[in-house]
PDB file of N, CA and C in Angstrom:
ATOM      1  N   MET A   1     -61.540 -14.664  12.712  1.00  0.00           N
ATOM      2  CA  MET A   1     -61.752 -14.937  11.260  1.00  0.00           C
ATOM      3  C   MET A   1     -61.692 -16.464  11.280  1.00  0.00           C
ATOM      4  N   GLY A   2     -61.856 -17.015  10.307  1.00  0.00           N
ATOM      5  CA  GLY A   2     -61.854 -18.567   9.811  1.00  0.00           C
ATOM      6  C   GLY A   2     -63.034 -19.221  10.143  1.00  0.00           C
ATOM      7  N   ARG A   3     -62.876 -20.370  10.495  1.00  0.00           N
ATOM      8  CA  ARG A   3     -64.061 -21.134  10.636  1.00  0.00           C
ATOM      9  C   ARG A   3     -65.089 -20.893  11.867  1.00  0.00           C
ATOM     10  N   PRO A   4     -66.601 -21.209  11.759  1.00  0.00           N
ATOM     11  CA  PRO A   4     -67.185 -21.055  12.931  1.00  0.00           C
ATOM     12  C   PRO A   4     -66.717 -22.021  13.982  1.00  0.00           C
ATOM     13  N   LYS A   5     -66.842 -21.581  15.247  1.00  0.00           N
ATOM     14  CA  LYS A   5     -66.822 -22.283  16.244  1.00  0.00           C
ATOM     15  C   LYS A   5     -67.679 -23.815  16.241  1.00  0.00           C
ATOM     16  N   GLY A   6     -66.955 -24.602  16.392  1.00  0.00           N
ATOM     17  CA  GLY A   6     -67.732 -25.976  16.532  1.00  0.00           C
ATOM     18  C   GLY A   6     -67.890 -26.794  15.133  1.00  0.00           C
ATOM     19  N   SER A   7     -67.292 -26.072  14.174  1.00  0.00           N
ATOM     20  CA  SER A   7     -67.472 -26.719  12.786  1.00  0.00           C
ATOM     21  C   SER A   7     -66.472 -27.671  12.523  1.00  0.00           C
ATOM     22  N   ARG A   8     -66.545 -28.531  11.820  1.00  0.00           N
ATOM     23  CA  ARG A   8     -66.149 -29.933  11.378  1.00  0.00           C
ATOM     24  C   ARG A   8     -65.658 -29.980   9.972  1.00  0.00           C
ATOM     25  N   ASN A   9     -64.516 -30.689   9.800  1.00  0.00           N
ATOM     26  CA  ASN A   9     -64.100 -30.997   8.554  1.00  0.00           C
ATOM     27  C   ASN A   9     -65.115 -31.882   7.599  1.00  0.00           C
ATOM     28  N   ARG A  10     -65.113 -31.637   6.355  1.00  0.00           N
ATOM     29  CA  ARG A  10     -66.189 -32.423   5.819  1.00  0.00           C
ATOM     30  C   ARG A  10     -66.206 -33.826   5.829  1.00  0.00           C
ATOM     31  N   TYR A  11     -64.887 -34.222   5.853  1.00  0.00           N
ATOM     32  CA  TYR A  11     -64.568 -35.730   5.850  1.00  0.00           C
ATOM     33  C   TYR A  11     -65.032 -36.226   7.248  1.00  0.00           C
ATOM     34  N   SER A  12     -64.865 -35.589   8.226  1.00  0.00           N
ATOM     35  CA  SER A  12     -65.028 -36.229   9.699  1.00  0.00           C
ATOM     36  C   SER A  12     -66.563 -36.228   9.705  1.00  0.00           C
ATOM     37  N   THR A  13     -67.301 -35.452   8.987  1.00  0.00           N
ATOM     38  CA  THR A  13     -68.798 -35.659   9.065  1.00  0.00           C
ATOM     39  C   THR A  13     -69.449 -36.875   8.418  1.00  0.00           C
ATOM     40  N   ILE A  14     -68.620 -37.607   7.627  1.00  0.00           N
ATOM     41  CA  ILE A  14     -69.080 -38.794   6.920  1.00  0.00           C
ATOM     42  C   ILE A  14     -68.912 -39.960   8.166  1.00  0.00           C
ATOM     43  N   PRO A  15     -69.900 -40.674   8.301  1.00  0.00           N
ATOM     44  CA  PRO A  15     -69.783 -41.788   9.169  1.00  0.00           C
ATOM     45  C   PRO A  15     -68.591 -42.625   8.726  1.00  0.00           C
ATOM     46  N   ARG A  16     -68.004 -43.321   9.825  1.00  0.00           N
ATOM     47  CA  ARG A  16     -66.777 -43.769   9.541  1.00  0.00           C
ATOM     48  C   ARG A  16     -67.227 -45.237   8.907  1.00  0.00           C
ATOM     49  N   SER A  17     -68.200 -45.637   9.168  1.00  0.00           N
ATOM     50  CA  SER A  17     -68.707 -47.077   8.608  1.00  0.00           C
ATOM     51  C   SER A  17     -68.991 -47.033   7.335  1.00  0.00           C
ATOM     52  N   LEU A  18     -69.472 -45.817   6.645  1.00  0.00           N
ATOM     53  CA  LEU A  18     -69.671 -45.454   5.249  1.00  0.00           C
ATOM     54  C   LEU A  18     -68.341 -45.616   4.551  1.00  0.00           C
ATOM     55  N   VAL A  19     -67.332 -44.938   5.108  1.00  0.00           N
ATOM     56  CA  VAL A  19     -66.030 -45.059   4.482  1.00  0.00           C
ATOM     57  C   VAL A  19     -65.333 -46.222   4.569  1.00  0.00           C
ATOM     58  N   ASP A  20     -65.720 -47.063   5.712  1.00  0.00           N
ATOM     59  CA  ASP A  20     -65.065 -48.500   5.727  1.00  0.00           C
ATOM     60  C   ASP A  20     -65.641 -49.266   4.619  1.00  0.00           C
ATOM     61  N   GLU A  21     -66.925 -49.139   4.304  1.00  0.00           N
ATOM     62  CA  GLU A  21     -67.597 -49.946   3.456  1.00  0.00           C
ATOM     63  C   GLU A  21     -67.046 -49.732   1.982  1.00  0.00           C
ATOM     64  N   ALA A  22     -67.076 -48.364   1.872  1.00  0.00           N
ATOM     65  CA  ALA A  22     -66.530 -47.829   0.375  1.00  0.00           C
ATOM     66  C   ALA A  22     -65.310 -48.473   0.156  1.00  0.00           C
ATOM     67  N   LEU A  23     -64.358 -48.336   1.118  1.00  0.00           N
ATOM     68  CA  LEU A  23     -62.881 -48.975   1.077  1.00  0.00           C
ATOM     69  C   LEU A  23     -63.095 -50.443   0.843  1.00  0.00           C
ATOM     70  N   ALA A  24     -63.831 -51.118   1.429  1.00  0.00           N
ATOM     71  CA  ALA A  24     -64.011 -52.684   1.427  1.00  0.00           C
ATOM     72  C   ALA A  24     -64.298 -53.039  -0.089  1.00  0.00           C
ATOM     73  N   ARG A  25     -65.377 -52.127  -0.683  1.00  0.00           N
ATOM     74  CA  ARG A  25     -65.830 -52.506  -1.982  1.00  0.00           C
ATOM     75  C   ARG A  25     -64.946 -52.251  -2.841  1.00  0.00           C
ATOM     76  N   LEU A  26     -64.135 -51.103  -2.630  1.00  0.00           N
ATOM     77  CA  LEU A  26     -63.200 -50.695  -3.567  1.00  0.00           C
ATOM     78  C   LEU A  26     -62.019 -51.882  -3.657  1.00  0.00           C
ATOM     79  N   ALA A  27     -61.754 -52.408  -2.608  1.00  0.00           N
ATOM     80  CA  ALA A  27     -60.571 -53.461  -2.422  1.00  0.00           C
ATOM     81  C   ALA A  27     -61.054 -54.671  -3.251  1.00  0.00           C
ATOM     82  N   VAL A  28     -62.430 -55.255  -3.012  1.00  0.00           N
ATOM     83  CA  VAL A  28     -62.898 -56.211  -3.725  1.00  0.00           C
ATOM     84  C   VAL A  28     -62.930 -55.964  -5.253  1.00  0.00           C
ATOM     85  N   ALA A  29     -63.411 -54.770  -5.505  1.00  0.00           N
ATOM     86  CA  ALA A  29     -63.219 -54.588  -6.960  1.00  0.00           C
ATOM     87  C   ALA A  29     -61.705 -54.644  -7.593  1.00  0.00           C
ATOM     88  N   VAL A  30     -60.947 -54.038  -6.923  1.00  0.00           N
ATOM     89  CA  VAL A  30     -59.362 -54.300  -7.456  1.00  0.00           C
ATOM     90  C   VAL A  30     -59.141 -55.771  -7.392  1.00  0.00           C
ATOM     91  N   GLY A  31     -59.557 -56.489  -6.238  1.00  0.00           N
ATOM     92  CA  GLY A  31     -59.310 -57.848  -6.439  1.00  0.00           C
ATOM     93  C   GLY A  31     -59.936 -58.757  -7.582  1.00  0.00           C
ATOM     94  N   ASN A  32     -60.886 -58.226  -8.046  1.00  0.00           N
ATOM     95  CA  ASN A  32     -61.601 -58.622  -9.140  1.00  0.00           C
ATOM     96  C   ASN A  32     -61.254 -58.063 -10.554  1.00  0.00           C
ATOM     97  N   ASN A  33     -60.021 -57.362 -10.424  1.00  0.00           N
ATOM     98  CA  ASN A  33     -59.379 -56.897 -11.526  1.00  0.00           C
ATOM     99  C   ASN A  33     -60.209 -55.947 -12.396  1.00  0.00           C
ATOM    100  N   GLU A  34     -61.316 -55.245 -11.568  1.00  0.00           N
ATOM    101  CA  GLU A  34     -62.109 -54.111 -12.349  1.00  0.00           C
ATOM    102  C   GLU A  34     -61.255 -52.871 -12.619  1.00  0.00           C
ATOM    103  N   GLN A  35     -61.396 -52.553 -14.067  1.00  0.00           N
ATOM    104  CA  GLN A  35     -60.554 -51.577 -14.469  1.00  0.00           C
ATOM    105  C   GLN A  35     -60.679 -50.408 -13.660  1.00  0.00           C
ATOM    106  N   TRP A  36     -61.899 -49.959 -13.571  1.00  0.00           N
ATOM    107  CA  TRP A  36     -62.312 -48.614 -12.911  1.00  0.00           C
ATOM    108  C   TRP A  36     -61.798 -48.589 -11.567  1.00  0.00           C
ATOM    109  N   ALA A  37     -61.734 -49.573 -10.884  1.00  0.00           N
ATOM    110  CA  ALA A  37     -61.308 -49.427  -9.461  1.00  0.00           C
ATOM    111  C   ALA A  37     -59.812 -49.399  -9.281  1.00  0.00           C
ATOM    112  N   ILE A  38     -59.177 -50.130 -10.258  1.00  0.00           N
ATOM    113  CA  ILE A  38     -57.687 -50.090 -10.255  1.00  0.00           C
ATOM    114  C   ILE A  38     -57.156 -48.603 -10.578  1.00  0.00           C
ATOM    115  N   GLN A  39     -57.942 -47.909 -11.666  1.00  0.00           N
ATOM    116  CA  GLN A  39     -57.694 -46.742 -12.022  1.00  0.00           C
ATOM    117  C   GLN A  39     -57.884 -45.531 -10.936  1.00  0.00           C
ATOM    118  N   GLU A  40     -59.108 -45.787 -10.165  1.00  0.00           N
ATOM    119  CA  GLU A  40     -59.393 -44.803  -8.982  1.00  0.00           C
ATOM    120  C   GLU A  40     -58.238 -45.174  -7.977  1.00  0.00           C
ATOM    121  N   THR A  41     -57.965 -46.364  -7.458  1.00  0.00           N
ATOM    122  CA  THR A  41     -56.762 -46.587  -6.652  1.00  0.00           C
ATOM    123  C   THR A  41     -55.508 -45.994  -7.109  1.00  0.00           C
ATOM    124  N   LEU A  42     -55.033 -45.960  -8.479  1.00  0.00           N
ATOM    125  CA  LEU A  42     -53.710 -45.616  -8.796  1.00  0.00           C
ATOM    126  C   LEU A  42     -53.978 -43.983  -8.813  1.00  0.00           C
ATOM    127  N   LYS A  43     -55.096 -43.464  -9.138  1.00  0.00           N
ATOM    128  CA  LYS A  43     -55.162 -41.849  -8.957  1.00  0.00           C
ATOM    129  C   LYS A  43     -54.549 -41.349  -7.646  1.00  0.00           C
ATOM    130  N   ARG A  44     -54.829 -41.975  -6.666  1.00  0.00           N
ATOM    131  CA  ARG A  44     -54.397 -41.783  -5.364  1.00  0.00           C
ATOM    132  C   ARG A  44     -52.933 -41.837  -4.761  1.00  0.00           C
ATOM    133  N   VAL A  45     -52.328 -42.598  -5.734  1.00  0.00           N
ATOM    134  CA  VAL A  45     -50.893 -42.816  -5.500  1.00  0.00           C
ATOM    135  C   VAL A  45     -50.081 -41.656  -5.930  1.00  0.00           C
ATOM    136  N   PRO A  46     -49.234 -40.931  -4.898  1.00  0.00           N
ATOM    137  CA  PRO A  46     -48.424 -40.008  -5.359  1.00  0.00           C
ATOM    138  C   PRO A  46     -47.311 -40.259  -6.442  1.00  0.00           C
ATOM    139  N   VAL A  47     -46.976 -39.448  -7.253  1.00  0.00           N
ATOM    140  CA  VAL A  47     -45.914 -39.353  -8.127  1.00  0.00           C
ATOM    141  C   VAL A  47     -44.763 -39.222  -7.613  1.00  0.00           C
ATOM    142  N   ALA A  48     -43.695 -40.328  -7.848  1.00  0.00           N
ATOM    143  CA  ALA A  48     -42.127 -40.008  -7.032  1.00  0.00           C
ATOM    144  C   ALA A  48     -41.475 -39.117  -7.747  1.00  0.00           C
ATOM    145  N   MET A  49     -40.787 -38.249  -7.337  1.00  0.00           N
ATOM    146  CA  MET A  49     -39.938 -37.376  -8.002  1.00  0.00           C
ATOM    147  C   MET A  49     -38.546 -38.140  -8.090  1.00  0.00           C
ATOM    148  N   PRO A  50     -38.059 -37.902  -9.289  1.00  0.00           N
ATOM    149  CA  PRO A  50     -36.746 -38.659  -9.766  1.00  0.00           C
ATOM    150  C   PRO A  50     -35.653 -38.111  -8.573  1.00  0.00           C
ATOM    151  N   GLU A  51     -34.821 -38.932  -8.504  1.00  0.00           N
ATOM    152  CA  GLU A  51     -33.513 -38.747  -7.739  1.00  0.00           C
ATOM    153  C   GLU A  51     -32.747 -37.855  -8.538  1.00  0.00           C
ATOM    154  N   PRO A  52     -32.197 -36.789  -7.931  1.00  0.00           N
ATOM    155  CA  PRO A  52     -30.986 -35.964  -8.743  1.00  0.00           C
ATOM    156  C   PRO A  52     -29.849 -36.969  -8.878  1.00  0.00           C
ATOM    157  N   MET A  53     -29.412 -36.945 -10.102  1.00  0.00           N
ATOM    158  CA  MET A  53     -28.035 -37.635 -10.373  1.00  0.00           C
ATOM    159  C   MET A  53     -26.722 -36.894  -9.929  1.00  0.00           C
ATOM    160  N   ILE A  54     -26.118 -37.664  -9.229  1.00  0.00           N
ATOM    161  CA  ILE A  54     -24.691 -37.199  -8.724  1.00  0.00           C
ATOM    162  C   ILE A  54     -23.934 -36.880  -9.958  1.00  0.00           C
ATOM    163  N   GLY A  55     -23.463 -35.742  -9.887  1.00  0.00           N
ATOM    164  CA  GLY A  55     -22.646 -35.385 -11.327  1.00  0.00           C
ATOM    165  C   GLY A  55     -23.457 -34.871 -12.233  1.00  0.00           C
ATOM    166  N   GLY A  56     -24.779 -34.475 -12.145  1.00  0.00           N
ATOM    167  CA  GLY A  56     -25.538 -34.414 -13.210  1.00  0.00           C
ATOM    168  C   GLY A  56     -25.587 -32.732 -13.465  1.00  0.00           C
ATOM    169  N   MET A  57     -26.754 -32.391 -14.088  1.00  0.00           N
ATOM    170  CA  MET A  57     -26.985 -31.031 -14.252  1.00  0.00           C
ATOM    171  C   MET A  57     -27.180 -30.393 -13.023  1.00  0.00           C
ATOM    172  N   GLN A  58     -27.802 -30.767 -12.072  1.00  0.00           N
ATOM    173  CA  GLN A  58     -28.156 -30.044 -10.852  1.00  0.00           C
ATOM    174  C   GLN A  58     -26.905 -29.717 -10.073  1.00  0.00           C
ATOM    175  N   GLU A  59     -26.152 -30.647  -9.959  1.00  0.00           N
ATOM    176  CA  GLU A  59     -24.850 -30.501  -9.446  1.00  0.00           C
ATOM    177  C   GLU A  59     -24.040 -29.355 -10.003  1.00  0.00           C
ATOM    178  N   ALA A  60     -23.898 -29.256 -11.476  1.00  0.00           N
ATOM    179  CA  ALA A  60     -23.199 -28.335 -12.142  1.00  0.00           C
ATOM    180  C   ALA A  60     -23.688 -26.983 -11.896  1.00  0.00           C
ATOM    181  N   ILE A  61     -24.889 -26.763 -11.849  1.00  0.00           N
ATOM    182  CA  ILE A  61     -25.668 -25.628 -11.622  1.00  0.00           C
ATOM    183  C   ILE A  61     -25.268 -25.018 -10.106  1.00  0.00           C
ATOM    184  N   MET A  62     -25.371 -26.038  -9.376  1.00  0.00           N
ATOM    185  CA  MET A  62     -24.971 -25.702  -7.913  1.00  0.00           C
ATOM    186  C   MET A  62     -23.620 -25.059  -7.860  1.00  0.00           C
ATOM    187  N   ASN A  63     -22.650 -25.821  -8.432  1.00  0.00           N
ATOM    188  CA  ASN A  63     -21.254 -25.480  -8.586  1.00  0.00           C
ATOM    189  C   ASN A  63     -20.958 -24.092  -8.985  1.00  0.00           C
ATOM    190  N   ALA A  64     -21.818 -23.808 -10.234  1.00  0.00           N
ATOM    191  CA  ALA A  64     -21.706 -22.503 -10.717  1.00  0.00           C
ATOM    192  C   ALA A  64     -22.113 -21.215  -9.820  1.00  0.00           C
ATOM    193  N   ARG A  65     -23.085 -21.594  -9.160  1.00  0.00           N
ATOM    194  CA  ARG A  65     -23.804 -20.510  -8.198  1.00  0.00           C
ATOM    195  C   ARG A  65     -22.783 -20.550  -7.105  1.00  0.00           C
ATOM    196  N   ILE A  66     -22.178 -21.303  -6.777  1.00  0.00           N
ATOM    197  CA  ILE A  66     -20.961 -21.306  -5.654  1.00  0.00           C
ATOM    198  C   ILE A  66     -20.033 -20.430  -6.027  1.00  0.00           C
ATOM    199  N   ASN A  67     -19.613 -20.813  -7.193  1.00  0.00           N
ATOM    200  CA  ASN A  67     -18.289 -19.988  -7.898  1.00  0.00           C
ATOM    201  C   ASN A  67     -18.839 -18.455  -7.846  1.00  0.00           C
ATOM    202  N   ASP A  68     -19.910 -18.231  -8.484  1.00  0.00           N
ATOM    203  CA  ASP A  68     -20.384 -16.787  -8.438  1.00  0.00           C
ATOM    204  C   ASP A  68     -20.403 -16.035  -7.081  1.00  0.00           C
ATOM    205  N   LEU A  69     -20.949 -16.701  -6.174  1.00  0.00           N
ATOM    206  CA  LEU A  69     -20.933 -16.327  -4.860  1.00  0.00           C
ATOM    207  C   LEU A  69     -19.373 -15.734  -4.543  1.00  0.00           C
ATOM    208  N   VAL A  70     -18.639 -16.971  -4.687  1.00  0.00           N
ATOM    209  CA  VAL A  70     -17.163 -16.733  -4.355  1.00  0.00           C
ATOM    210  C   VAL A  70     -16.600 -15.666  -4.971  1.00  0.00           C
ATOM    211  N   ASP A  71     -16.703 -15.466  -6.298  1.00  0.00           N
ATOM    212  CA  ASP A  71     -16.175 -14.351  -6.983  1.00  0.00           C
ATOM    213  C   ASP A  71     -16.790 -13.103  -6.567  1.00  0.00           C
ATOM    214  N   PHE A  72     -18.303 -12.903  -6.370  1.00  0.00           N
ATOM    215  CA  PHE A  72     -18.833 -11.997  -5.792  1.00  0.00           C
ATOM    216  C   PHE A  72     -18.238 -11.401  -4.647  1.00  0.00           C
ATOM    217  N   ASP A  73     -17.834 -12.309  -3.459  1.00  0.00           N
ATOM    218  CA  ASP A  73     -17.304 -11.941  -2.155  1.00  0.00           C
ATOM    219  C   ASP A  73     -15.883 -11.498  -2.223  1.00  0.00           C
ATOM    220  N   ILE A  74     -15.134 -11.926  -3.361  1.00  0.00           N
ATOM    221  CA  ILE A  74     -13.756 -11.499  -3.449  1.00  0.00           C
ATOM    222  C   ILE A  74     -13.889  -9.964  -3.863  1.00  0.00           C
ATOM    223  N   ARG A  75     -14.775  -9.673  -4.940  1.00  0.00           N
ATOM    224  CA  ARG A  75     -14.884  -8.315  -5.549  1.00  0.00           C
ATOM    225  C   ARG A  75     -15.464  -7.312  -4.618  1.00  0.00           C
ATOM    226  N   LEU A  76     -16.342  -7.883  -3.795  1.00  0.00           N
ATOM    227  CA  LEU A  76     -16.983  -6.897  -2.684  1.00  0.00           C
ATOM    228  C   LEU A  76     -15.815  -6.692  -1.786  1.00  0.00           C
ATOM    229  N   ALA A  77     -15.096  -7.710  -1.195  1.00  0.00           N
ATOM    230  CA  ALA A  77     -14.007  -7.371  -0.240  1.00  0.00           C
ATOM    231  C   ALA A  77     -12.798  -6.396  -0.862  1.00  0.00           C
ATOM    232  N   ALA A  78     -12.439  -6.576  -2.222  1.00  0.00           N
ATOM    233  CA  ALA A  78     -11.602  -5.617  -2.619  1.00  0.00           C
ATOM    234  C   ALA A  78     -12.317  -4.230  -2.809  1.00  0.00           C
ATOM    235  N   LEU A  79     -13.516  -4.209  -2.955  1.00  0.00           N
ATOM    236  CA  LEU A  79     -14.069  -2.884  -3.119  1.00  0.00           C
ATOM    237  C   LEU A  79     -13.914  -2.166  -1.741  1.00  0.00           C
ATOM    238  N   GLU A  80     -14.451  -2.708  -0.762  1.00  0.00           N
ATOM    239  CA  GLU A  80     -14.491  -2.526   0.779  1.00  0.00           C
ATOM    240  C   GLU A  80     -13.251  -2.057   1.139  1.00  0.00           C
ATOM    241  N   SER A  81     -12.004  -2.775   0.855  1.00  0.00           N
ATOM    242  CA  SER A  81     -10.721  -2.244   1.187  1.00  0.00           C
ATOM    243  C   SER A  81     -10.259  -1.138   0.587  1.00  0.00           C
ATOM    244  N   LYS A  82     -10.527  -1.020  -0.689  1.00  0.00           N
ATOM    245  CA  LYS A  82     -10.091   0.059  -1.645  1.00  0.00           C
ATOM    246  C   LYS A  82     -11.011   1.510  -0.819  1.00  0.00           C
ATOM    247  N   HIS A  83     -12.327   1.136  -0.604  1.00  0.00           N
ATOM    248  CA  HIS A  83     -12.897   2.305   0.013  1.00  0.00           C
ATOM    249  C   HIS A  83     -12.510   2.678   1.614  1.00  0.00           C
ATOM    250  N   ASP A  84     -12.228   1.731   2.225  1.00  0.00           N
ATOM    251  CA  ASP A  84     -11.551   2.073   3.571  1.00  0.00           C
ATOM    252  C   ASP A  84     -10.155   2.610   3.527  1.00  0.00           C
ATOM    253  N   GLY A  85      -9.327   2.501   2.425  1.00  0.00           N
ATOM    254  CA  GLY A  85      -7.954   3.039   2.266  1.00  0.00           C
ATOM    255  C   GLY A  85      -8.031   4.402   1.988  1.00  0.00           C
ATOM    256  N   LYS A  86      -9.049   4.888   1.496  1.00  0.00           N
ATOM    257  CA  LYS A  86      -9.256   6.404   1.218  1.00  0.00           C
ATOM    258  C   LYS A  86      -9.159   7.347   2.315  1.00  0.00           C
TER     259      LYS A  86
END
């Protein structure tokens, strides 16, 4: 299944010279402070994810999960020892 043998990505079928020319025109437009060019360029910039704060909510949630797992492990061990003792 999948692609037919010998097929190519759509991007790779565009001649490299056309891509280079388009990028050069976009760079000139950005250099001329043309609003559309700046907007189109900024659309391509990925949005940065905020760094988790040390001591923040994420750490509190992680600590709560760890405590739950430790508590579960203690209760399970008690049940297993009670079952093995019968």
